[in-house]
Each structure stands twice: as structure tokens, then as C-alpha cells.
Amino acid sequence: MLKQIQKFWQDKEITLLDRTQENSSAIKTISDFFEQNYPLKITSSQKSSHYNLVLIHDLDYYAKEDKTDAYYSSQTEVVQNMTVEGVMHKSGTVVKSALVNAVKELTIKAILESEDFSPLNTEINLDDFIFYKYYPESNQTLEFTSHETNFKIQPITSNYDDPFFLNDLLIKRND
């Protein structure tokens, strides 16, 4: 998925905005993380662009400090807010998963704005897609094999207490 995200952003630039109302080294640390780990065009600026990752504080900070919430939104720009408390460890290092998730969210918003969903095409052939699901309540693992719009369901682990488990299995809609 990260390769698809990198491909989507190859001809676009993301602006990293600091709305924390303080001179923070967090912006430089975040920029350095992206530069070293993901070939995305991310520029730090005080001016927004069309695609923006915006660093703000969490609501507790604004409540304690009696300051105005810096949540940023725009009708003409694509914006993903992220809290400094959520993307930075107290040690000053980044929370990698939080930054990657922020870029994923920004990507989804950009795709929705463009109304071109082709970047979401993962090119996975669902005609022979297989996944496994473990049901702890019955100690049973099932293999789901797709065949167009249907799934073949086959037990992988035995459940000796209930040999007719598949007959009574309730497969939830979200499974």
C-alpha cells in the first residue's frame, strides 16, 4: 500500500504546517523522518498549499492552557490534522505509525477530492484470494477462498468438541 501512496504523490507536493503556536523542532523531525523513509515531496511552510499535513496540539493542551484550538480546516484545500502529542514521543522521536496513518488519511481525502479512484486499485486478483480467520470461541481456523462473488469455506484446524462446527457457524457480516 505504501508503494501505491508513493506513486500517488510522485507529482504532488504536501505542505507541513505548524499550528502549535510555538517554535517546535517537531516539524524538522517530522520532515527528516519523511525524507529518510519515504520519497514524498513534503515541504515545511507557514503558508498552506493544496495538500496539507497540519501539526496541532490535542484538545487537553488547549483546555489546560486556555488557548484557542488550532484545528485547521479549509473548503479549498485538502487537510489532515495531526497532534504533536500523537506523532511525537516525549523523547523527541517520531511515532512512525501515526505519521504514516496521517499520510494515508491525506491520500484518501485527496483521492476523494479528485473523484478518480484508480489509485486505490491494488491489482489483487480476488478470483483466487484466500484469507484465514480464527474463531477463538470454538478454537477453529477457517480458510476462505474467493470464487468471484462467493467464498468456499474450509476448516483448517479441527474442533474435536464440535465436529459439526461448520453447520452451526455464524459468520458475521463484517468477517
N, C-alpha and C. Protein backbone atom coordinates (compact mmCIF):
# COMPACT_ATOMS: atom_id res chain seq x y z
N MET A 1 0.81 -1.19 0.00
CA MET A 1 0.00 0.00 0.00
C MET A 1 0.86 1.26 0.00
N LEU A 2 1.99 1.23 0.72
CA LEU A 2 2.85 2.41 0.75
C LEU A 2 3.39 2.73 -0.63
N LYS A 3 3.62 1.71 -1.45
CA LYS A 3 4.08 1.96 -2.81
C LYS A 3 3.00 2.68 -3.61
N GLN A 4 1.74 2.30 -3.41
CA GLN A 4 0.63 2.98 -4.09
C GLN A 4 0.54 4.44 -3.63
N ILE A 5 0.76 4.68 -2.35
CA ILE A 5 0.73 6.04 -1.82
C ILE A 5 1.87 6.86 -2.41
N GLN A 6 3.07 6.29 -2.46
CA GLN A 6 4.20 6.99 -3.05
C GLN A 6 3.95 7.30 -4.52
N LYS A 7 3.36 6.36 -5.22
CA LYS A 7 3.04 6.57 -6.63
C LYS A 7 2.02 7.72 -6.78
N PHE A 8 1.03 7.75 -5.91
CA PHE A 8 0.01 8.81 -5.97
C PHE A 8 0.64 10.19 -5.78
N TRP A 9 1.60 10.31 -4.87
CA TRP A 9 2.19 11.61 -4.53
C TRP A 9 3.39 11.97 -5.39
N GLN A 10 3.79 11.14 -6.34
CA GLN A 10 5.02 11.39 -7.09
C GLN A 10 5.03 12.73 -7.83
N ASP A 11 3.88 13.23 -8.24
CA ASP A 11 3.84 14.51 -8.95
C ASP A 11 3.09 15.59 -8.16
N LYS A 12 2.97 15.38 -6.84
CA LYS A 12 2.27 16.33 -5.98
C LYS A 12 3.16 16.67 -4.79
N GLU A 13 2.88 17.80 -4.18
CA GLU A 13 3.66 18.21 -3.02
C GLU A 13 2.74 18.39 -1.81
N ILE A 14 3.21 17.95 -0.66
CA ILE A 14 2.49 18.09 0.60
C ILE A 14 3.17 19.19 1.41
N THR A 15 2.39 20.07 1.98
CA THR A 15 2.93 21.11 2.85
C THR A 15 2.72 20.71 4.30
N LEU A 16 3.76 20.81 5.08
CA LEU A 16 3.71 20.52 6.51
C LEU A 16 3.61 21.85 7.25
N LEU A 17 2.45 22.09 7.88
CA LEU A 17 2.19 23.35 8.58
C LEU A 17 2.28 23.16 10.09
N ASP A 18 2.86 24.15 10.76
CA ASP A 18 2.94 24.12 12.22
C ASP A 18 1.93 25.10 12.79
N ARG A 19 0.88 24.58 13.41
CA ARG A 19 -0.14 25.42 14.03
C ARG A 19 -0.12 25.26 15.55
N THR A 20 1.02 24.83 16.09
CA THR A 20 1.12 24.61 17.53
C THR A 20 1.34 25.91 18.30
N GLN A 21 1.51 27.01 17.59
CA GLN A 21 1.71 28.33 18.19
C GLN A 21 2.99 28.39 19.01
N GLU A 22 3.98 27.65 18.57
CA GLU A 22 5.28 27.69 19.26
C GLU A 22 6.36 27.29 18.27
N ASN A 23 7.58 27.66 18.53
CA ASN A 23 8.68 27.23 17.67
C ASN A 23 9.05 25.82 18.09
N SER A 24 8.65 24.88 17.27
CA SER A 24 8.82 23.48 17.63
C SER A 24 9.84 22.81 16.71
N SER A 25 10.67 21.99 17.29
CA SER A 25 11.60 21.20 16.49
C SER A 25 10.89 19.98 15.90
N ALA A 26 9.63 19.81 16.27
CA ALA A 26 8.86 18.66 15.79
C ALA A 26 8.73 18.69 14.27
N ILE A 27 8.53 19.86 13.69
CA ILE A 27 8.38 19.96 12.23
C ILE A 27 9.65 19.47 11.53
N LYS A 28 10.81 19.86 12.03
CA LYS A 28 12.07 19.40 11.42
C LYS A 28 12.22 17.90 11.59
N THR A 29 11.89 17.38 12.75
CA THR A 29 11.99 15.94 13.00
C THR A 29 11.05 15.16 12.08
N ILE A 30 9.84 15.66 11.91
CA ILE A 30 8.87 15.01 11.03
C ILE A 30 9.35 15.07 9.57
N SER A 31 9.82 16.23 9.15
CA SER A 31 10.35 16.38 7.78
C SER A 31 11.51 15.43 7.53
N ASP A 32 12.42 15.35 8.49
CA ASP A 32 13.57 14.45 8.37
C ASP A 32 13.12 13.00 8.27
N PHE A 33 12.12 12.62 9.06
CA PHE A 33 11.61 11.26 9.01
C PHE A 33 11.12 10.91 7.61
N PHE A 34 10.30 11.79 7.05
CA PHE A 34 9.77 11.52 5.70
C PHE A 34 10.89 11.50 4.66
N GLU A 35 11.82 12.42 4.77
CA GLU A 35 12.93 12.48 3.81
C GLU A 35 13.76 11.20 3.84
N GLN A 36 13.98 10.65 5.02
CA GLN A 36 14.81 9.46 5.17
C GLN A 36 14.06 8.16 4.87
N ASN A 37 12.73 8.16 5.01
CA ASN A 37 12.00 6.91 4.91
C ASN A 37 11.04 6.79 3.73
N TYR A 38 10.53 7.90 3.25
CA TYR A 38 9.53 7.85 2.18
C TYR A 38 9.83 8.95 1.16
N PRO A 39 9.97 8.60 -0.10
CA PRO A 39 10.27 9.62 -1.11
C PRO A 39 9.03 10.44 -1.49
N LEU A 40 8.53 11.20 -0.54
CA LEU A 40 7.40 12.09 -0.78
C LEU A 40 7.92 13.52 -0.77
N LYS A 41 7.32 14.37 -1.57
CA LYS A 41 7.69 15.79 -1.59
C LYS A 41 6.93 16.49 -0.47
N ILE A 42 7.59 16.68 0.67
CA ILE A 42 6.97 17.34 1.81
C ILE A 42 7.80 18.56 2.15
N THR A 43 7.15 19.72 2.16
CA THR A 43 7.82 20.98 2.41
C THR A 43 7.24 21.62 3.65
N SER A 44 8.11 22.08 4.55
CA SER A 44 7.66 22.81 5.73
C SER A 44 7.42 24.26 5.34
N SER A 45 6.31 24.81 5.80
CA SER A 45 5.97 26.19 5.45
C SER A 45 4.99 26.74 6.47
N GLN A 46 4.91 28.05 6.52
CA GLN A 46 3.87 28.71 7.33
C GLN A 46 2.65 29.04 6.48
N LYS A 47 2.78 28.84 5.15
CA LYS A 47 1.67 29.07 4.23
C LYS A 47 1.15 27.74 3.73
N SER A 48 -0.15 27.60 3.69
CA SER A 48 -0.74 26.36 3.25
C SER A 48 -0.66 26.24 1.73
N SER A 49 -0.80 25.00 1.27
CA SER A 49 -0.87 24.72 -0.16
C SER A 49 -2.16 23.95 -0.40
N HIS A 50 -2.25 23.24 -1.47
CA HIS A 50 -3.47 22.48 -1.73
C HIS A 50 -3.56 21.23 -0.85
N TYR A 51 -2.41 20.57 -0.60
CA TYR A 51 -2.37 19.36 0.23
C TYR A 51 -1.56 19.67 1.48
N ASN A 52 -2.19 19.53 2.65
CA ASN A 52 -1.56 19.96 3.89
C ASN A 52 -1.64 18.92 5.00
N LEU A 53 -0.49 18.68 5.63
CA LEU A 53 -0.44 17.96 6.91
C LEU A 53 -0.24 19.05 7.96
N VAL A 54 -1.14 19.14 8.92
CA VAL A 54 -1.12 20.25 9.87
C VAL A 54 -0.86 19.73 11.27
N LEU A 55 0.19 20.26 11.90
CA LEU A 55 0.56 19.87 13.26
C LEU A 55 -0.13 20.81 14.24
N ILE A 56 -0.95 20.22 15.12
CA ILE A 56 -1.66 20.96 16.16
C ILE A 56 -1.45 20.24 17.48
N HIS A 57 -1.92 20.83 18.56
CA HIS A 57 -1.92 20.15 19.86
C HIS A 57 -3.24 19.42 20.04
N ASP A 58 -3.27 18.49 21.02
CA ASP A 58 -4.52 17.81 21.31
C ASP A 58 -5.43 18.72 22.14
N LEU A 59 -6.68 18.32 22.31
CA LEU A 59 -7.66 19.17 22.99
C LEU A 59 -7.30 19.44 24.46
N ASP A 60 -6.63 18.47 25.11
CA ASP A 60 -6.24 18.68 26.51
C ASP A 60 -5.30 19.87 26.65
N TYR A 61 -4.40 20.03 25.71
CA TYR A 61 -3.45 21.15 25.74
C TYR A 61 -4.20 22.48 25.71
N TYR A 62 -5.16 22.58 24.81
CA TYR A 62 -5.89 23.85 24.68
C TYR A 62 -6.79 24.10 25.88
N ALA A 63 -7.33 23.05 26.48
CA ALA A 63 -8.17 23.20 27.66
C ALA A 63 -7.35 23.67 28.86
N LYS A 64 -6.16 23.06 29.04
CA LYS A 64 -5.30 23.41 30.18
C LYS A 64 -4.71 24.81 30.03
N GLU A 65 -4.32 25.15 28.84
CA GLU A 65 -3.64 26.42 28.59
C GLU A 65 -4.60 27.57 28.30
N ASP A 66 -5.89 27.27 28.20
CA ASP A 66 -6.91 28.26 27.86
C ASP A 66 -6.54 29.02 26.58
N LYS A 67 -6.19 28.24 25.57
CA LYS A 67 -5.82 28.81 24.27
C LYS A 67 -6.84 28.38 23.23
N THR A 68 -6.82 29.03 22.10
CA THR A 68 -7.74 28.70 21.01
C THR A 68 -7.26 27.46 20.29
N ASP A 69 -8.18 26.53 20.07
CA ASP A 69 -7.88 25.31 19.34
C ASP A 69 -7.43 25.66 17.93
N ALA A 70 -6.31 25.09 17.50
CA ALA A 70 -5.74 25.41 16.19
C ALA A 70 -6.17 24.44 15.11
N TYR A 71 -7.25 23.69 15.35
CA TYR A 71 -7.75 22.75 14.34
C TYR A 71 -7.93 23.50 13.03
N TYR A 72 -7.38 22.95 11.97
CA TYR A 72 -7.35 23.65 10.69
C TYR A 72 -8.27 22.95 9.70
N SER A 73 -9.12 23.72 9.08
CA SER A 73 -9.97 23.16 8.03
C SER A 73 -10.07 24.18 6.90
N SER A 74 -10.41 23.69 5.72
CA SER A 74 -10.50 24.56 4.56
C SER A 74 -11.48 23.96 3.57
N GLN A 75 -12.19 24.81 2.88
CA GLN A 75 -13.11 24.35 1.84
C GLN A 75 -12.38 24.15 0.51
N THR A 76 -11.21 24.76 0.36
CA THR A 76 -10.50 24.71 -0.92
C THR A 76 -9.22 23.90 -0.88
N GLU A 77 -8.83 23.45 0.30
CA GLU A 77 -7.59 22.69 0.45
C GLU A 77 -7.89 21.31 1.03
N VAL A 78 -6.97 20.38 0.82
CA VAL A 78 -7.08 19.05 1.41
C VAL A 78 -6.19 19.06 2.65
N VAL A 79 -6.80 18.77 3.80
CA VAL A 79 -6.12 18.95 5.08
C VAL A 79 -6.23 17.69 5.92
N GLN A 80 -5.11 17.32 6.54
CA GLN A 80 -5.12 16.27 7.57
C GLN A 80 -4.42 16.83 8.79
N ASN A 81 -5.18 17.03 9.87
CA ASN A 81 -4.60 17.49 11.13
C ASN A 81 -3.97 16.30 11.85
N MET A 82 -2.90 16.57 12.57
CA MET A 82 -2.27 15.55 13.42
C MET A 82 -1.75 16.26 14.66
N THR A 83 -1.90 15.61 15.81
CA THR A 83 -1.48 16.26 17.06
C THR A 83 -0.02 15.94 17.34
N VAL A 84 0.67 16.95 17.84
CA VAL A 84 2.07 16.77 18.20
C VAL A 84 2.20 15.68 19.28
N GLU A 85 1.19 15.60 20.16
CA GLU A 85 1.21 14.57 21.20
C GLU A 85 1.03 13.17 20.61
N GLY A 86 0.39 13.08 19.46
CA GLY A 86 0.15 11.79 18.82
C GLY A 86 1.25 11.34 17.89
N VAL A 87 2.01 12.28 17.34
CA VAL A 87 3.04 11.90 16.36
C VAL A 87 4.46 11.99 16.90
N MET A 88 4.62 12.52 18.11
CA MET A 88 5.96 12.64 18.69
C MET A 88 6.02 11.97 20.06
N HIS A 89 7.06 11.16 20.25
CA HIS A 89 7.32 10.61 21.58
C HIS A 89 7.87 11.72 22.46
N LYS A 90 7.76 11.57 23.75
CA LYS A 90 8.32 12.57 24.67
C LYS A 90 9.84 12.68 24.52
N SER A 91 10.46 11.61 24.01
CA SER A 91 11.91 11.62 23.80
C SER A 91 12.30 12.47 22.60
N GLY A 92 11.31 12.90 21.80
CA GLY A 92 11.60 13.73 20.64
C GLY A 92 11.66 12.97 19.33
N THR A 93 11.45 11.66 19.38
CA THR A 93 11.43 10.87 18.16
C THR A 93 9.99 10.76 17.66
N VAL A 94 9.85 10.40 16.39
CA VAL A 94 8.50 10.33 15.80
C VAL A 94 7.82 9.01 16.10
N VAL A 95 6.50 9.03 16.13
CA VAL A 95 5.67 7.83 16.19
C VAL A 95 5.40 7.48 14.72
N LYS A 96 6.18 6.54 14.20
CA LYS A 96 6.15 6.24 12.77
C LYS A 96 4.76 5.90 12.28
N SER A 97 4.05 5.04 13.00
CA SER A 97 2.72 4.62 12.55
C SER A 97 1.75 5.79 12.48
N ALA A 98 1.86 6.73 13.39
CA ALA A 98 0.95 7.88 13.38
C ALA A 98 1.22 8.77 12.17
N LEU A 99 2.48 8.94 11.81
CA LEU A 99 2.80 9.75 10.64
C LEU A 99 2.37 9.07 9.35
N VAL A 100 2.61 7.78 9.26
CA VAL A 100 2.18 7.04 8.06
C VAL A 100 0.66 7.08 7.94
N ASN A 101 -0.04 6.92 9.07
CA ASN A 101 -1.50 6.99 9.04
C ASN A 101 -2.00 8.37 8.63
N ALA A 102 -1.31 9.41 9.05
CA ALA A 102 -1.70 10.77 8.66
C ALA A 102 -1.57 10.93 7.14
N VAL A 103 -0.50 10.40 6.56
CA VAL A 103 -0.33 10.48 5.11
C VAL A 103 -1.39 9.63 4.40
N LYS A 104 -1.71 8.47 4.96
CA LYS A 104 -2.78 7.64 4.37
C LYS A 104 -4.10 8.40 4.37
N GLU A 105 -4.43 9.04 5.48
CA GLU A 105 -5.68 9.80 5.57
C GLU A 105 -5.69 10.95 4.57
N LEU A 106 -4.56 11.66 4.46
CA LEU A 106 -4.47 12.76 3.49
C LEU A 106 -4.63 12.22 2.07
N THR A 107 -4.05 11.07 1.80
CA THR A 107 -4.16 10.45 0.48
C THR A 107 -5.61 10.11 0.16
N ILE A 108 -6.31 9.52 1.10
CA ILE A 108 -7.72 9.18 0.90
C ILE A 108 -8.53 10.44 0.61
N LYS A 109 -8.29 11.50 1.37
CA LYS A 109 -9.01 12.75 1.14
C LYS A 109 -8.70 13.32 -0.24
N ALA A 110 -7.43 13.24 -0.65
CA ALA A 110 -7.04 13.75 -1.98
C ALA A 110 -7.69 12.93 -3.09
N ILE A 111 -7.76 11.62 -2.90
CA ILE A 111 -8.40 10.76 -3.90
C ILE A 111 -9.90 11.06 -3.98
N LEU A 112 -10.54 11.24 -2.83
CA LEU A 112 -11.97 11.57 -2.82
C LEU A 112 -12.22 12.91 -3.50
N GLU A 113 -11.34 13.87 -3.26
CA GLU A 113 -11.50 15.18 -3.91
C GLU A 113 -11.37 15.07 -5.42
N SER A 114 -10.44 14.26 -5.88
CA SER A 114 -10.20 14.14 -7.33
C SER A 114 -11.27 13.31 -8.03
N GLU A 115 -12.00 12.52 -7.25
CA GLU A 115 -13.03 11.61 -7.78
C GLU A 115 -12.46 10.61 -8.78
N ASP A 116 -11.16 10.36 -8.69
CA ASP A 116 -10.50 9.35 -9.52
C ASP A 116 -10.01 8.28 -8.56
N PHE A 117 -10.70 7.14 -8.54
CA PHE A 117 -10.39 6.10 -7.57
C PHE A 117 -9.39 5.08 -8.08
N SER A 118 -8.80 5.31 -9.23
CA SER A 118 -7.82 4.36 -9.76
C SER A 118 -6.60 4.18 -8.86
N PRO A 119 -6.17 5.20 -8.08
CA PRO A 119 -5.04 4.94 -7.17
C PRO A 119 -5.34 3.88 -6.12
N LEU A 120 -6.62 3.61 -5.87
CA LEU A 120 -6.99 2.60 -4.89
C LEU A 120 -6.94 1.19 -5.46
N ASN A 121 -6.74 1.07 -6.75
CA ASN A 121 -6.67 -0.24 -7.38
C ASN A 121 -5.40 -0.94 -6.93
N THR A 122 -5.57 -2.01 -6.19
CA THR A 122 -4.41 -2.75 -5.65
C THR A 122 -3.95 -3.85 -6.58
N GLU A 123 -4.70 -4.08 -7.64
CA GLU A 123 -4.38 -5.10 -8.62
C GLU A 123 -4.31 -6.51 -8.01
N ILE A 124 -5.06 -6.71 -6.93
CA ILE A 124 -5.16 -8.04 -6.32
C ILE A 124 -6.27 -8.79 -7.04
N ASN A 125 -5.97 -9.97 -7.51
CA ASN A 125 -6.96 -10.79 -8.19
C ASN A 125 -7.83 -11.46 -7.14
N LEU A 126 -9.06 -10.99 -7.01
CA LEU A 126 -9.96 -11.53 -5.99
C LEU A 126 -10.60 -12.85 -6.40
N ASP A 127 -10.35 -13.28 -7.64
CA ASP A 127 -10.89 -14.57 -8.07
C ASP A 127 -10.24 -15.73 -7.34
N ASP A 128 -9.02 -15.56 -6.87
CA ASP A 128 -8.31 -16.61 -6.15
C ASP A 128 -7.74 -16.08 -4.84
N PHE A 129 -8.44 -15.17 -4.21
CA PHE A 129 -7.96 -14.56 -2.99
C PHE A 129 -8.29 -15.48 -1.81
N ILE A 130 -7.31 -15.72 -0.94
CA ILE A 130 -7.50 -16.60 0.22
C ILE A 130 -7.14 -15.83 1.49
N PHE A 131 -7.97 -15.95 2.50
CA PHE A 131 -7.59 -15.42 3.80
C PHE A 131 -8.07 -16.38 4.88
N TYR A 132 -7.54 -16.22 6.07
CA TYR A 132 -7.82 -17.12 7.18
C TYR A 132 -8.41 -16.33 8.34
N LYS A 133 -9.30 -16.96 9.06
CA LYS A 133 -9.92 -16.33 10.21
C LYS A 133 -9.97 -17.34 11.35
N TYR A 134 -9.51 -16.91 12.51
CA TYR A 134 -9.53 -17.75 13.70
C TYR A 134 -10.72 -17.36 14.56
N TYR A 135 -11.51 -18.36 14.97
CA TYR A 135 -12.67 -18.14 15.84
C TYR A 135 -12.33 -18.72 17.22
N PRO A 136 -11.92 -17.85 18.16
CA PRO A 136 -11.46 -18.34 19.47
C PRO A 136 -12.55 -19.05 20.27
N GLU A 137 -13.81 -18.64 20.09
CA GLU A 137 -14.89 -19.25 20.88
C GLU A 137 -15.05 -20.73 20.57
N SER A 138 -14.59 -21.16 19.41
CA SER A 138 -14.70 -22.58 19.05
C SER A 138 -13.34 -23.20 18.71
N ASN A 139 -12.26 -22.43 18.90
CA ASN A 139 -10.91 -22.89 18.61
C ASN A 139 -10.83 -23.46 17.19
N GLN A 140 -11.33 -22.70 16.24
CA GLN A 140 -11.42 -23.15 14.86
C GLN A 140 -10.80 -22.10 13.94
N THR A 141 -9.98 -22.53 13.01
CA THR A 141 -9.45 -21.66 11.96
C THR A 141 -10.07 -22.09 10.64
N LEU A 142 -10.59 -21.11 9.92
CA LEU A 142 -11.22 -21.39 8.64
C LEU A 142 -10.45 -20.72 7.52
N GLU A 143 -10.45 -21.35 6.38
CA GLU A 143 -9.87 -20.78 5.17
C GLU A 143 -11.02 -20.32 4.28
N PHE A 144 -10.96 -19.07 3.87
CA PHE A 144 -11.96 -18.51 2.96
C PHE A 144 -11.27 -18.32 1.61
N THR A 145 -11.77 -18.98 0.59
CA THR A 145 -11.24 -18.85 -0.75
C THR A 145 -12.30 -18.22 -1.63
N SER A 146 -11.97 -17.11 -2.26
CA SER A 146 -12.97 -16.43 -3.08
C SER A 146 -13.07 -17.07 -4.45
N HIS A 147 -14.28 -17.11 -4.93
CA HIS A 147 -14.61 -17.54 -6.29
C HIS A 147 -15.60 -16.52 -6.82
N GLU A 148 -15.09 -15.51 -7.49
CA GLU A 148 -15.89 -14.37 -7.97
C GLU A 148 -16.59 -13.72 -6.79
N THR A 149 -17.89 -13.86 -6.64
CA THR A 149 -18.60 -13.19 -5.54
C THR A 149 -18.90 -14.13 -4.38
N ASN A 150 -18.46 -15.37 -4.44
CA ASN A 150 -18.72 -16.34 -3.39
C ASN A 150 -17.42 -16.78 -2.73
N PHE A 151 -17.54 -17.34 -1.52
CA PHE A 151 -16.40 -17.88 -0.81
C PHE A 151 -16.60 -19.35 -0.53
N LYS A 152 -15.56 -20.12 -0.74
CA LYS A 152 -15.54 -21.50 -0.30
C LYS A 152 -14.93 -21.45 1.10
N ILE A 153 -15.58 -22.11 2.05
CA ILE A 153 -15.11 -22.11 3.43
C ILE A 153 -14.68 -23.52 3.80
N GLN A 154 -13.45 -23.60 4.30
CA GLN A 154 -12.90 -24.91 4.64
C GLN A 154 -12.19 -24.83 5.99
N PRO A 155 -12.46 -25.79 6.88
CA PRO A 155 -11.76 -25.76 8.17
C PRO A 155 -10.28 -26.13 8.00
N ILE A 156 -9.44 -25.43 8.72
CA ILE A 156 -8.01 -25.70 8.69
C ILE A 156 -7.60 -26.45 9.95
N THR A 157 -8.15 -26.04 11.08
CA THR A 157 -7.87 -26.73 12.34
C THR A 157 -9.13 -27.48 12.75
N SER A 158 -8.94 -28.60 13.39
CA SER A 158 -10.08 -29.43 13.81
C SER A 158 -10.61 -28.95 15.14
N ASN A 159 -11.90 -29.10 15.28
CA ASN A 159 -12.53 -28.84 16.55
C ASN A 159 -13.17 -30.16 17.00
N TYR A 160 -12.45 -30.86 17.86
CA TYR A 160 -12.92 -32.19 18.24
C TYR A 160 -14.16 -32.14 19.12
N ASP A 161 -14.39 -31.03 19.80
CA ASP A 161 -15.56 -30.92 20.65
C ASP A 161 -16.85 -30.77 19.83
N ASP A 162 -16.74 -30.23 18.64
CA ASP A 162 -17.92 -29.97 17.82
C ASP A 162 -17.60 -30.30 16.36
N PRO A 163 -17.74 -31.58 15.98
CA PRO A 163 -17.39 -31.95 14.61
C PRO A 163 -18.34 -31.34 13.57
N PHE A 164 -19.47 -30.80 14.01
CA PHE A 164 -20.41 -30.18 13.08
C PHE A 164 -20.33 -28.65 13.17
N PHE A 165 -19.18 -28.17 13.56
CA PHE A 165 -18.99 -26.74 13.78
C PHE A 165 -19.42 -25.90 12.57
N LEU A 166 -19.04 -26.31 11.38
CA LEU A 166 -19.38 -25.54 10.18
C LEU A 166 -20.89 -25.44 9.96
N ASN A 167 -21.63 -26.43 10.39
CA ASN A 167 -23.08 -26.39 10.21
C ASN A 167 -23.73 -25.33 11.09
N ASP A 168 -23.13 -25.05 12.24
CA ASP A 168 -23.70 -24.09 13.18
C ASP A 168 -22.94 -22.76 13.22
N LEU A 169 -21.94 -22.63 12.39
CA LEU A 169 -21.07 -21.45 12.45
C LEU A 169 -21.83 -20.20 11.99
N LEU A 170 -21.76 -19.18 12.82
CA LEU A 170 -22.30 -17.90 12.43
C LEU A 170 -21.13 -17.04 11.97
N ILE A 171 -21.05 -16.83 10.70
CA ILE A 171 -20.00 -15.96 10.16
C ILE A 171 -20.59 -14.57 10.09
N LYS A 172 -20.02 -13.68 10.88
CA LYS A 172 -20.55 -12.33 10.97
C LYS A 172 -20.38 -11.61 9.64
N ARG A 173 -21.25 -10.68 9.39
CA ARG A 173 -21.23 -9.95 8.13
C ARG A 173 -19.90 -9.24 7.90
N ASN A 174 -19.27 -8.71 8.96
CA ASN A 174 -18.02 -8.00 8.84
C ASN A 174 -16.81 -8.90 8.66
N ASP A 175 -16.98 -10.20 8.85
CA ASP A 175 -15.87 -11.11 8.64
C ASP A 175 -15.54 -11.15 7.16
